[in-house]
Amino acid sequence: MSGTKLKNGDKGGRPSIYTDALVDRIIERISAGEPLQKICNDADMPNCSTVQRWRRDKPEFTKLYLLAREEAADSYADRIMTMANELIDRREKVTREEIQAVRVAIDALKWAASKLRPSTYGDMTRHAGHDAGPLTVAVEVDRAIQARKLADAMRRKIEAKRAGDDPGFGEDELSDDEIAESVYPLATVLPKTH
């Protein structure tokens, strides 16, 4: 029927003309968590290849589509909670097979949600600076320079004492830890970061 003309002049078949009303219907269904393939299987919807072409050729559609996919993650999270609550409500009458089926469905929905909106549902923790901006490391330069000068002075003093320039100093008077603390006072001068 796709090549035959109808009485009103339409060719028939699936819609392929980009309209705001058609886009709104598609975006709404994607936001609700429906797979694009299922949406495009409906007779009143365009083919998947048409929608994919819109994603490539129409930046406004691409933006709406990506936002709808992120919103689908929220829908998946809601479904997970609904499934879990239904199982809890019926806990006395639930079979092992039902539990396993729900577990598989929940795992699939969790995976999809984590991929579509990783910042909310992903496993990775994101560390950010002020106002969710990038982390910055601030070093007090003057204190670092002062600590470096102190470390160099202490190193020279210890080397002089070990070389015998100070007759009142025996090699065993400072432990390795004490020497490390003296030579590298940055650890004690600069603020701790952990």
N, C-alpha and C. Protein backbone atom coordinates (compact mmCIF):
# COMPACT_ATOMS: atom_id res chain seq x y z
N MET A 1 0.81 -1.18 0.00
CA MET A 1 0.00 0.00 0.00
C MET A 1 0.86 1.26 0.00
N SER A 2 2.15 1.12 0.32
CA SER A 2 2.99 2.29 0.46
C SER A 2 3.22 3.02 -0.86
N GLY A 3 3.14 2.34 -2.00
CA GLY A 3 3.34 3.01 -3.27
C GLY A 3 2.04 3.43 -3.94
N THR A 4 0.91 2.98 -3.44
CA THR A 4 -0.39 3.26 -4.06
C THR A 4 -0.94 4.58 -3.54
N LYS A 5 -1.52 5.35 -4.46
CA LYS A 5 -2.13 6.62 -4.05
C LYS A 5 -3.54 6.36 -3.53
N LEU A 6 -3.88 7.03 -2.44
CA LEU A 6 -5.22 6.94 -1.90
C LEU A 6 -6.06 8.05 -2.50
N LYS A 7 -7.37 8.03 -2.21
CA LYS A 7 -8.28 9.01 -2.79
C LYS A 7 -7.90 10.45 -2.46
N ASN A 8 -7.43 10.68 -1.25
CA ASN A 8 -7.11 12.05 -0.85
C ASN A 8 -5.73 12.50 -1.31
N GLY A 9 -5.02 11.66 -2.07
CA GLY A 9 -3.72 12.03 -2.59
C GLY A 9 -2.55 11.55 -1.75
N ASP A 10 -2.82 11.05 -0.53
CA ASP A 10 -1.75 10.52 0.32
C ASP A 10 -1.28 9.18 -0.21
N LYS A 11 -0.02 8.89 0.00
CA LYS A 11 0.53 7.60 -0.38
C LYS A 11 0.20 6.53 0.66
N GLY A 12 -0.10 6.93 1.89
CA GLY A 12 -0.34 5.96 2.95
C GLY A 12 0.98 5.58 3.60
N GLY A 13 0.97 4.57 4.46
CA GLY A 13 2.20 4.13 5.14
C GLY A 13 2.51 4.96 6.36
N ARG A 14 3.71 4.79 6.85
CA ARG A 14 4.13 5.45 8.09
C ARG A 14 4.47 6.92 7.84
N PRO A 15 4.25 7.75 8.88
CA PRO A 15 4.60 9.16 8.71
C PRO A 15 6.11 9.33 8.70
N SER A 16 6.62 10.16 7.82
CA SER A 16 8.05 10.46 7.81
C SER A 16 8.29 11.96 7.83
N ILE A 17 7.21 12.73 7.84
CA ILE A 17 7.33 14.18 7.87
C ILE A 17 7.53 14.62 9.31
N TYR A 18 8.53 15.43 9.50
CA TYR A 18 8.89 15.94 10.82
C TYR A 18 7.89 17.03 11.22
N THR A 19 7.10 16.74 12.26
CA THR A 19 6.17 17.74 12.78
C THR A 19 6.36 17.85 14.28
N ASP A 20 6.05 19.01 14.82
CA ASP A 20 6.18 19.21 16.27
C ASP A 20 5.30 18.24 17.04
N ALA A 21 4.10 17.99 16.56
CA ALA A 21 3.18 17.09 17.26
C ALA A 21 3.73 15.67 17.30
N LEU A 22 4.28 15.20 16.18
CA LEU A 22 4.85 13.85 16.13
C LEU A 22 6.09 13.77 17.02
N VAL A 23 6.93 14.78 16.97
CA VAL A 23 8.12 14.80 17.82
C VAL A 23 7.73 14.79 19.29
N ASP A 24 6.74 15.58 19.67
CA ASP A 24 6.28 15.61 21.06
C ASP A 24 5.83 14.23 21.53
N ARG A 25 5.12 13.53 20.69
CA ARG A 25 4.64 12.18 21.07
C ARG A 25 5.81 11.22 21.25
N ILE A 26 6.77 11.28 20.35
CA ILE A 26 7.94 10.39 20.44
C ILE A 26 8.74 10.72 21.69
N ILE A 27 9.03 11.99 21.91
CA ILE A 27 9.84 12.42 23.05
C ILE A 27 9.15 12.06 24.37
N GLU A 28 7.84 12.23 24.43
CA GLU A 28 7.10 11.90 25.64
C GLU A 28 7.21 10.41 25.96
N ARG A 29 7.11 9.59 24.95
CA ARG A 29 7.20 8.14 25.18
C ARG A 29 8.61 7.72 25.55
N ILE A 30 9.62 8.33 24.95
CA ILE A 30 11.00 8.02 25.32
C ILE A 30 11.26 8.43 26.76
N SER A 31 10.77 9.61 27.16
CA SER A 31 10.93 10.09 28.54
C SER A 31 10.31 9.13 29.54
N ALA A 32 9.23 8.47 29.12
CA ALA A 32 8.55 7.52 29.99
C ALA A 32 9.27 6.18 30.05
N GLY A 33 10.37 6.05 29.29
CA GLY A 33 11.18 4.85 29.35
C GLY A 33 10.88 3.82 28.28
N GLU A 34 10.06 4.17 27.31
CA GLU A 34 9.77 3.22 26.22
C GLU A 34 10.94 3.16 25.27
N PRO A 35 11.32 1.98 24.83
CA PRO A 35 12.40 1.86 23.85
C PRO A 35 11.96 2.43 22.49
N LEU A 36 12.89 3.04 21.80
CA LEU A 36 12.58 3.63 20.49
C LEU A 36 12.05 2.58 19.53
N GLN A 37 12.61 1.39 19.55
CA GLN A 37 12.16 0.32 18.64
C GLN A 37 10.68 0.03 18.85
N LYS A 38 10.24 -0.03 20.10
CA LYS A 38 8.82 -0.30 20.39
C LYS A 38 7.94 0.84 19.90
N ILE A 39 8.39 2.08 20.11
CA ILE A 39 7.64 3.24 19.66
C ILE A 39 7.48 3.19 18.15
N CYS A 40 8.57 2.91 17.46
CA CYS A 40 8.56 2.91 16.00
C CYS A 40 7.82 1.72 15.40
N ASN A 41 7.51 0.71 16.20
CA ASN A 41 6.72 -0.42 15.71
C ASN A 41 5.25 -0.06 15.53
N ASP A 42 4.80 1.02 16.16
CA ASP A 42 3.41 1.45 16.01
C ASP A 42 3.18 1.98 14.60
N ALA A 43 2.02 1.68 14.04
CA ALA A 43 1.71 2.05 12.66
C ALA A 43 1.66 3.56 12.46
N ASP A 44 1.33 4.31 13.50
CA ASP A 44 1.22 5.76 13.35
C ASP A 44 2.53 6.49 13.67
N MET A 45 3.63 5.74 13.78
CA MET A 45 4.94 6.32 14.08
C MET A 45 5.89 6.07 12.91
N PRO A 46 6.91 6.94 12.77
CA PRO A 46 7.88 6.74 11.70
C PRO A 46 8.77 5.53 11.99
N ASN A 47 9.46 5.05 10.96
CA ASN A 47 10.44 3.97 11.13
C ASN A 47 11.59 4.45 12.00
N CYS A 48 12.28 3.51 12.62
CA CYS A 48 13.46 3.85 13.44
C CYS A 48 14.51 4.57 12.59
N SER A 49 14.67 4.16 11.35
CA SER A 49 15.67 4.80 10.50
C SER A 49 15.34 6.27 10.27
N THR A 50 14.06 6.60 10.20
CA THR A 50 13.64 8.00 10.04
C THR A 50 14.00 8.79 11.29
N VAL A 51 13.71 8.22 12.45
CA VAL A 51 14.01 8.91 13.71
C VAL A 51 15.53 9.07 13.87
N GLN A 52 16.28 8.04 13.50
CA GLN A 52 17.74 8.15 13.58
C GLN A 52 18.25 9.23 12.63
N ARG A 53 17.66 9.37 11.45
CA ARG A 53 18.03 10.43 10.52
C ARG A 53 17.74 11.80 11.14
N TRP A 54 16.61 11.93 11.82
CA TRP A 54 16.28 13.18 12.51
C TRP A 54 17.35 13.50 13.55
N ARG A 55 17.81 12.47 14.25
CA ARG A 55 18.85 12.68 15.27
C ARG A 55 20.13 13.22 14.63
N ARG A 56 20.44 12.76 13.43
CA ARG A 56 21.65 13.24 12.74
C ARG A 56 21.45 14.63 12.14
N ASP A 57 20.27 14.87 11.57
CA ASP A 57 20.05 16.07 10.75
C ASP A 57 19.40 17.24 11.47
N LYS A 58 18.76 17.00 12.60
CA LYS A 58 18.00 18.06 13.26
C LYS A 58 18.51 18.25 14.69
N PRO A 59 19.36 19.26 14.88
CA PRO A 59 19.95 19.48 16.21
C PRO A 59 18.90 19.69 17.30
N GLU A 60 17.78 20.34 16.98
CA GLU A 60 16.75 20.56 18.00
C GLU A 60 16.13 19.22 18.44
N PHE A 61 15.99 18.29 17.50
CA PHE A 61 15.47 16.97 17.85
C PHE A 61 16.50 16.20 18.68
N THR A 62 17.76 16.29 18.29
CA THR A 62 18.82 15.61 19.03
C THR A 62 18.84 16.05 20.48
N LYS A 63 18.73 17.35 20.71
CA LYS A 63 18.73 17.88 22.07
C LYS A 63 17.55 17.33 22.87
N LEU A 64 16.36 17.34 22.27
CA LEU A 64 15.17 16.81 22.94
C LEU A 64 15.30 15.30 23.20
N TYR A 65 15.83 14.59 22.22
CA TYR A 65 15.99 13.15 22.32
C TYR A 65 16.94 12.79 23.47
N LEU A 66 18.08 13.46 23.55
CA LEU A 66 19.06 13.16 24.61
C LEU A 66 18.50 13.49 25.99
N LEU A 67 17.78 14.59 26.09
CA LEU A 67 17.15 14.94 27.37
C LEU A 67 16.10 13.89 27.75
N ALA A 68 15.32 13.45 26.77
CA ALA A 68 14.30 12.42 27.03
C ALA A 68 14.94 11.11 27.48
N ARG A 69 16.08 10.76 26.90
CA ARG A 69 16.76 9.53 27.32
C ARG A 69 17.23 9.65 28.77
N GLU A 70 17.73 10.83 29.15
CA GLU A 70 18.11 11.02 30.56
C GLU A 70 16.89 10.91 31.46
N GLU A 71 15.78 11.50 31.05
CA GLU A 71 14.55 11.44 31.85
C GLU A 71 14.05 10.00 31.95
N ALA A 72 14.34 9.19 30.95
CA ALA A 72 13.95 7.78 31.00
C ALA A 72 14.62 7.08 32.18
N ALA A 73 15.82 7.53 32.54
CA ALA A 73 16.51 6.94 33.69
C ALA A 73 15.68 7.11 34.95
N ASP A 74 15.05 8.27 35.12
CA ASP A 74 14.17 8.48 36.27
C ASP A 74 12.98 7.53 36.23
N SER A 75 12.46 7.32 35.04
CA SER A 75 11.35 6.38 34.88
C SER A 75 11.77 4.96 35.26
N TYR A 76 12.99 4.58 34.87
CA TYR A 76 13.49 3.25 35.23
C TYR A 76 13.64 3.13 36.75
N ALA A 77 14.13 4.18 37.39
CA ALA A 77 14.28 4.15 38.85
C ALA A 77 12.91 4.01 39.52
N ASP A 78 11.91 4.71 38.99
CA ASP A 78 10.55 4.59 39.53
C ASP A 78 10.03 3.17 39.36
N ARG A 79 10.29 2.57 38.20
CA ARG A 79 9.85 1.19 37.97
C ARG A 79 10.51 0.22 38.94
N ILE A 80 11.77 0.43 39.21
CA ILE A 80 12.49 -0.43 40.15
C ILE A 80 11.81 -0.38 41.52
N MET A 81 11.51 0.83 41.99
CA MET A 81 10.86 0.97 43.29
C MET A 81 9.47 0.34 43.29
N THR A 82 8.73 0.51 42.21
CA THR A 82 7.40 -0.08 42.11
C THR A 82 7.48 -1.60 42.17
N MET A 83 8.40 -2.16 41.39
CA MET A 83 8.56 -3.62 41.38
C MET A 83 8.95 -4.15 42.76
N ALA A 84 9.89 -3.47 43.39
CA ALA A 84 10.34 -3.92 44.72
C ALA A 84 9.21 -3.82 45.74
N ASN A 85 8.45 -2.72 45.71
CA ASN A 85 7.35 -2.55 46.66
C ASN A 85 6.25 -3.57 46.43
N GLU A 86 5.96 -3.87 45.17
CA GLU A 86 4.94 -4.89 44.88
C GLU A 86 5.38 -6.25 45.41
N LEU A 87 6.64 -6.55 45.27
CA LEU A 87 7.16 -7.82 45.77
C LEU A 87 7.08 -7.88 47.30
N ILE A 88 7.41 -6.77 47.94
CA ILE A 88 7.34 -6.71 49.40
C ILE A 88 5.90 -6.87 49.87
N ASP A 89 4.96 -6.20 49.19
CA ASP A 89 3.55 -6.29 49.57
C ASP A 89 3.00 -7.71 49.45
N ARG A 90 3.53 -8.48 48.51
CA ARG A 90 3.04 -9.85 48.28
C ARG A 90 4.02 -10.90 48.80
N ARG A 91 4.88 -10.57 49.71
CA ARG A 91 5.98 -11.44 50.09
C ARG A 91 5.58 -12.85 50.50
N GLU A 92 4.41 -13.03 51.06
CA GLU A 92 4.00 -14.37 51.47
C GLU A 92 3.64 -15.25 50.27
N LYS A 93 3.25 -14.63 49.15
CA LYS A 93 2.77 -15.39 48.00
C LYS A 93 3.73 -15.39 46.82
N VAL A 94 4.94 -14.96 47.03
CA VAL A 94 5.90 -14.83 45.92
C VAL A 94 6.70 -16.11 45.77
N THR A 95 6.86 -16.54 44.52
CA THR A 95 7.64 -17.75 44.24
C THR A 95 9.09 -17.37 43.96
N ARG A 96 9.95 -18.36 44.02
CA ARG A 96 11.36 -18.13 43.71
C ARG A 96 11.53 -17.65 42.27
N GLU A 97 10.74 -18.19 41.38
CA GLU A 97 10.82 -17.80 39.97
C GLU A 97 10.45 -16.33 39.79
N GLU A 98 9.43 -15.88 40.51
CA GLU A 98 9.04 -14.47 40.42
C GLU A 98 10.16 -13.57 40.96
N ILE A 99 10.75 -13.99 42.07
CA ILE A 99 11.83 -13.20 42.65
C ILE A 99 12.99 -13.10 41.66
N GLN A 100 13.33 -14.22 41.05
CA GLN A 100 14.43 -14.22 40.09
C GLN A 100 14.10 -13.34 38.88
N ALA A 101 12.87 -13.41 38.38
CA ALA A 101 12.47 -12.59 37.23
C ALA A 101 12.53 -11.11 37.58
N VAL A 102 12.06 -10.76 38.77
CA VAL A 102 12.11 -9.36 39.20
C VAL A 102 13.55 -8.91 39.36
N ARG A 103 14.39 -9.76 39.90
CA ARG A 103 15.81 -9.43 40.08
C ARG A 103 16.47 -9.14 38.72
N VAL A 104 16.19 -9.97 37.73
CA VAL A 104 16.75 -9.76 36.39
C VAL A 104 16.25 -8.44 35.81
N ALA A 105 14.96 -8.17 35.95
CA ALA A 105 14.38 -6.92 35.43
C ALA A 105 14.99 -5.71 36.14
N ILE A 106 15.12 -5.79 37.45
CA ILE A 106 15.70 -4.68 38.21
C ILE A 106 17.15 -4.45 37.81
N ASP A 107 17.91 -5.52 37.63
CA ASP A 107 19.31 -5.36 37.21
C ASP A 107 19.39 -4.67 35.84
N ALA A 108 18.51 -5.05 34.92
CA ALA A 108 18.51 -4.43 33.59
C ALA A 108 18.13 -2.95 33.69
N LEU A 109 17.14 -2.63 34.49
CA LEU A 109 16.72 -1.24 34.64
C LEU A 109 17.80 -0.41 35.35
N LYS A 110 18.46 -1.00 36.35
CA LYS A 110 19.55 -0.30 37.03
C LYS A 110 20.69 -0.01 36.06
N TRP A 111 21.03 -1.00 35.23
CA TRP A 111 22.10 -0.82 34.26
C TRP A 111 21.75 0.32 33.29
N ALA A 112 20.52 0.28 32.75
CA ALA A 112 20.10 1.30 31.79
C ALA A 112 20.10 2.69 32.45
N ALA A 113 19.58 2.79 33.66
CA ALA A 113 19.55 4.08 34.35
C ALA A 113 20.96 4.61 34.59
N SER A 114 21.87 3.72 34.96
CA SER A 114 23.25 4.15 35.23
C SER A 114 23.97 4.62 33.98
N LYS A 115 23.58 4.10 32.83
CA LYS A 115 24.20 4.53 31.57
C LYS A 115 23.57 5.82 31.05
N LEU A 116 22.27 5.96 31.24
CA LEU A 116 21.56 7.13 30.72
C LEU A 116 21.78 8.37 31.59
N ARG A 117 21.92 8.16 32.90
CA ARG A 117 22.15 9.30 33.81
C ARG A 117 23.17 8.87 34.86
N PRO A 118 24.44 8.77 34.44
CA PRO A 118 25.47 8.27 35.36
C PRO A 118 25.71 9.16 36.57
N SER A 119 25.48 10.47 36.43
CA SER A 119 25.72 11.35 37.57
C SER A 119 24.75 11.10 38.71
N THR A 120 23.57 10.56 38.40
CA THR A 120 22.57 10.27 39.42
C THR A 120 22.54 8.80 39.80
N TYR A 121 22.57 7.91 38.80
CA TYR A 121 22.38 6.49 39.05
C TYR A 121 23.63 5.64 38.84
N GLY A 122 24.73 6.26 38.44
CA GLY A 122 25.96 5.51 38.21
C GLY A 122 26.63 5.14 39.52
N ASP A 123 27.58 4.23 39.43
CA ASP A 123 28.29 3.76 40.62
C ASP A 123 29.46 4.65 40.99
N MET A 124 29.95 5.45 40.05
CA MET A 124 31.13 6.25 40.31
C MET A 124 30.76 7.51 41.10
N THR A 125 31.55 7.80 42.09
CA THR A 125 31.36 9.01 42.88
C THR A 125 32.13 10.14 42.21
N ARG A 126 31.48 11.26 42.06
CA ARG A 126 32.13 12.41 41.44
C ARG A 126 32.47 13.43 42.52
N HIS A 127 33.70 13.83 42.54
CA HIS A 127 34.13 14.86 43.47
C HIS A 127 34.22 16.17 42.70
N ALA A 128 33.69 17.21 43.28
CA ALA A 128 33.71 18.50 42.60
C ALA A 128 34.09 19.60 43.58
N GLY A 129 34.50 20.69 43.00
CA GLY A 129 34.84 21.85 43.80
C GLY A 129 33.61 22.70 44.06
N HIS A 130 33.84 23.96 44.33
CA HIS A 130 32.76 24.91 44.62
C HIS A 130 31.77 24.97 43.46
N ASP A 131 30.47 24.95 43.76
CA ASP A 131 29.39 25.02 42.76
C ASP A 131 29.53 23.94 41.69
N ALA A 132 29.94 22.75 42.09
CA ALA A 132 30.09 21.59 41.21
C ALA A 132 31.13 21.81 40.11
N GLY A 133 31.98 22.79 40.30
CA GLY A 133 33.05 23.04 39.33
C GLY A 133 34.20 22.07 39.55
N PRO A 134 35.27 22.23 38.78
CA PRO A 134 36.41 21.31 38.93
C PRO A 134 37.11 21.52 40.27
N LEU A 135 37.74 20.45 40.74
CA LEU A 135 38.53 20.55 41.96
C LEU A 135 39.77 21.37 41.68
N THR A 136 40.16 22.19 42.63
CA THR A 136 41.40 22.95 42.49
C THR A 136 42.26 22.69 43.72
N VAL A 137 43.55 22.71 43.50
CA VAL A 137 44.49 22.51 44.59
C VAL A 137 45.16 23.84 44.84
N ALA A 138 45.02 24.33 46.05
CA ALA A 138 45.62 25.62 46.40
C ALA A 138 46.82 25.37 47.29
N VAL A 139 47.94 25.95 46.95
CA VAL A 139 49.16 25.82 47.74
C VAL A 139 49.59 27.21 48.14
N GLU A 140 49.92 27.36 49.40
CA GLU A 140 50.40 28.64 49.88
C GLU A 140 51.89 28.71 49.53
N VAL A 141 52.20 29.45 48.49
CA VAL A 141 53.55 29.49 47.94
C VAL A 141 54.57 29.98 48.95
N ASP A 142 54.25 31.04 49.68
CA ASP A 142 55.22 31.57 50.65
C ASP A 142 55.58 30.53 51.70
N ARG A 143 54.59 29.82 52.21
CA ARG A 143 54.87 28.80 53.22
C ARG A 143 55.66 27.64 52.62
N ALA A 144 55.40 27.31 51.38
CA ALA A 144 56.15 26.23 50.73
C ALA A 144 57.61 26.63 50.53
N ILE A 145 57.87 27.88 50.12
CA ILE A 145 59.24 28.36 49.94
C ILE A 145 59.97 28.39 51.29
N GLN A 146 59.27 28.87 52.31
CA GLN A 146 59.87 28.94 53.65
C GLN A 146 60.19 27.53 54.15
N ALA A 147 59.30 26.58 53.93
CA ALA A 147 59.54 25.21 54.36
C ALA A 147 60.71 24.60 53.61
N ARG A 148 60.83 24.90 52.32
CA ARG A 148 61.94 24.39 51.53
C ARG A 148 63.28 24.94 52.05
N LYS A 149 63.31 26.23 52.36
CA LYS A 149 64.53 26.84 52.90
C LYS A 149 64.89 26.20 54.23
N LEU A 150 63.89 25.95 55.08
CA LEU A 150 64.13 25.31 56.37
C LEU A 150 64.66 23.89 56.17
N ALA A 151 64.10 23.17 55.22
CA ALA A 151 64.56 21.80 54.94
C ALA A 151 66.00 21.81 54.47
N ASP A 152 66.35 22.75 53.58
CA ASP A 152 67.73 22.82 53.09
C ASP A 152 68.69 23.16 54.22
N ALA A 153 68.31 24.09 55.09
CA ALA A 153 69.17 24.47 56.23
C ALA A 153 69.37 23.28 57.17
N MET A 154 68.31 22.56 57.46
CA MET A 154 68.41 21.39 58.35
C MET A 154 69.26 20.30 57.71
N ARG A 155 69.11 20.11 56.40
CA ARG A 155 69.90 19.08 55.72
C ARG A 155 71.39 19.43 55.81
N ARG A 156 71.71 20.71 55.54
CA ARG A 156 73.12 21.13 55.61
C ARG A 156 73.67 20.95 57.03
N LYS A 157 72.88 21.28 58.05
CA LYS A 157 73.30 21.15 59.44
C LYS A 157 73.57 19.69 59.79
N ILE A 158 72.66 18.80 59.37
CA ILE A 158 72.82 17.37 59.66
C ILE A 158 74.04 16.82 58.93
N GLU A 159 74.23 17.23 57.66
CA GLU A 159 75.40 16.76 56.90
C GLU A 159 76.70 17.23 57.55
N ALA A 160 76.71 18.47 58.02
CA ALA A 160 77.91 19.00 58.68
C ALA A 160 78.21 18.23 59.95
N LYS A 161 77.19 17.93 60.73
CA LYS A 161 77.39 17.18 61.97
C LYS A 161 77.86 15.77 61.68
N ARG A 162 77.32 15.14 60.66
CA ARG A 162 77.72 13.77 60.32
C ARG A 162 79.14 13.74 59.73
N ALA A 163 79.53 14.81 59.07
CA ALA A 163 80.88 14.87 58.48
C ALA A 163 81.95 15.12 59.55
N GLY A 164 81.53 15.40 60.76
CA GLY A 164 82.48 15.58 61.85
C GLY A 164 82.81 17.03 62.12
N ASP A 165 82.19 17.95 61.46
CA ASP A 165 82.45 19.37 61.69
C ASP A 165 81.95 19.81 63.07
N ASP A 166 81.09 18.99 63.70
CA ASP A 166 80.58 19.31 65.03
C ASP A 166 81.02 18.17 65.95
N PRO A 167 82.08 18.39 66.73
CA PRO A 167 82.62 17.29 67.55
C PRO A 167 81.66 16.78 68.62
N GLY A 168 80.67 17.53 69.02
CA GLY A 168 79.74 17.08 70.05
C GLY A 168 78.60 16.23 69.50
N PHE A 169 78.65 15.84 68.20
CA PHE A 169 77.54 15.11 67.58
C PHE A 169 77.97 13.69 67.25
N GLY A 170 77.23 12.73 67.73
CA GLY A 170 77.47 11.34 67.38
C GLY A 170 76.47 10.90 66.32
N GLU A 171 76.85 9.97 65.45
CA GLU A 171 75.98 9.55 64.35
C GLU A 171 74.66 8.97 64.84
N ASP A 172 74.66 8.39 66.01
CA ASP A 172 73.44 7.72 66.48
C ASP A 172 72.48 8.66 67.20
N GLU A 173 72.80 9.93 67.26
CA GLU A 173 71.95 10.84 68.01
C GLU A 173 70.60 11.09 67.36
N LEU A 174 70.48 11.02 66.03
CA LEU A 174 69.21 11.22 65.34
C LEU A 174 68.80 9.93 64.65
N SER A 175 67.55 9.56 64.84
CA SER A 175 67.05 8.39 64.13
C SER A 175 66.72 8.78 62.68
N ASP A 176 66.53 7.79 61.84
CA ASP A 176 66.17 8.07 60.44
C ASP A 176 64.86 8.85 60.36
N ASP A 177 63.88 8.52 61.22
CA ASP A 177 62.61 9.25 61.23
C ASP A 177 62.82 10.71 61.61
N GLU A 178 63.68 10.95 62.61
CA GLU A 178 63.96 12.32 63.03
C GLU A 178 64.65 13.11 61.92
N ILE A 179 65.55 12.44 61.21
CA ILE A 179 66.22 13.09 60.09
C ILE A 179 65.21 13.42 58.99
N ALA A 180 64.34 12.48 58.69
CA ALA A 180 63.32 12.71 57.65
C ALA A 180 62.43 13.89 58.03
N GLU A 181 62.03 13.95 59.30
CA GLU A 181 61.19 15.06 59.74
C GLU A 181 61.94 16.38 59.66
N SER A 182 63.22 16.35 59.93
CA SER A 182 64.02 17.58 59.88
C SER A 182 64.27 18.02 58.45
N VAL A 183 64.56 17.06 57.59
CA VAL A 183 64.90 17.38 56.21
C VAL A 183 63.66 17.73 55.40
N TYR A 184 62.55 17.14 55.72
CA TYR A 184 61.33 17.36 54.94
C TYR A 184 60.21 17.95 55.82
N PRO A 185 60.39 19.16 56.32
CA PRO A 185 59.38 19.74 57.22
C PRO A 185 58.12 20.18 56.47
N LEU A 186 58.09 20.05 55.15
CA LEU A 186 56.88 20.40 54.41
C LEU A 186 55.68 19.66 55.00
N ALA A 187 55.92 18.44 55.44
CA ALA A 187 54.82 17.64 55.97
C ALA A 187 54.23 18.26 57.24
N THR A 188 55.05 18.99 57.97
CA THR A 188 54.55 19.58 59.21
C THR A 188 54.15 21.05 59.03
N VAL A 189 54.73 21.73 58.04
CA VAL A 189 54.44 23.14 57.85
C VAL A 189 53.15 23.35 57.06
N LEU A 190 52.98 22.57 55.99
CA LEU A 190 51.78 22.73 55.15
C LEU A 190 50.60 22.02 55.78
N PRO A 191 49.37 22.54 55.54
CA PRO A 191 48.20 21.89 56.13
C PRO A 191 47.99 20.49 55.57
N LYS A 192 47.47 19.62 56.41
CA LYS A 192 47.15 18.27 55.98
C LYS A 192 45.99 18.29 55.00
N THR A 193 46.02 17.38 53.99
CA THR A 193 44.95 17.33 53.01
C THR A 193 44.08 16.12 53.17
N HIS A 194 44.33 15.31 54.16
CA HIS A 194 43.51 14.10 54.38
C HIS A 194 43.12 13.94 55.82
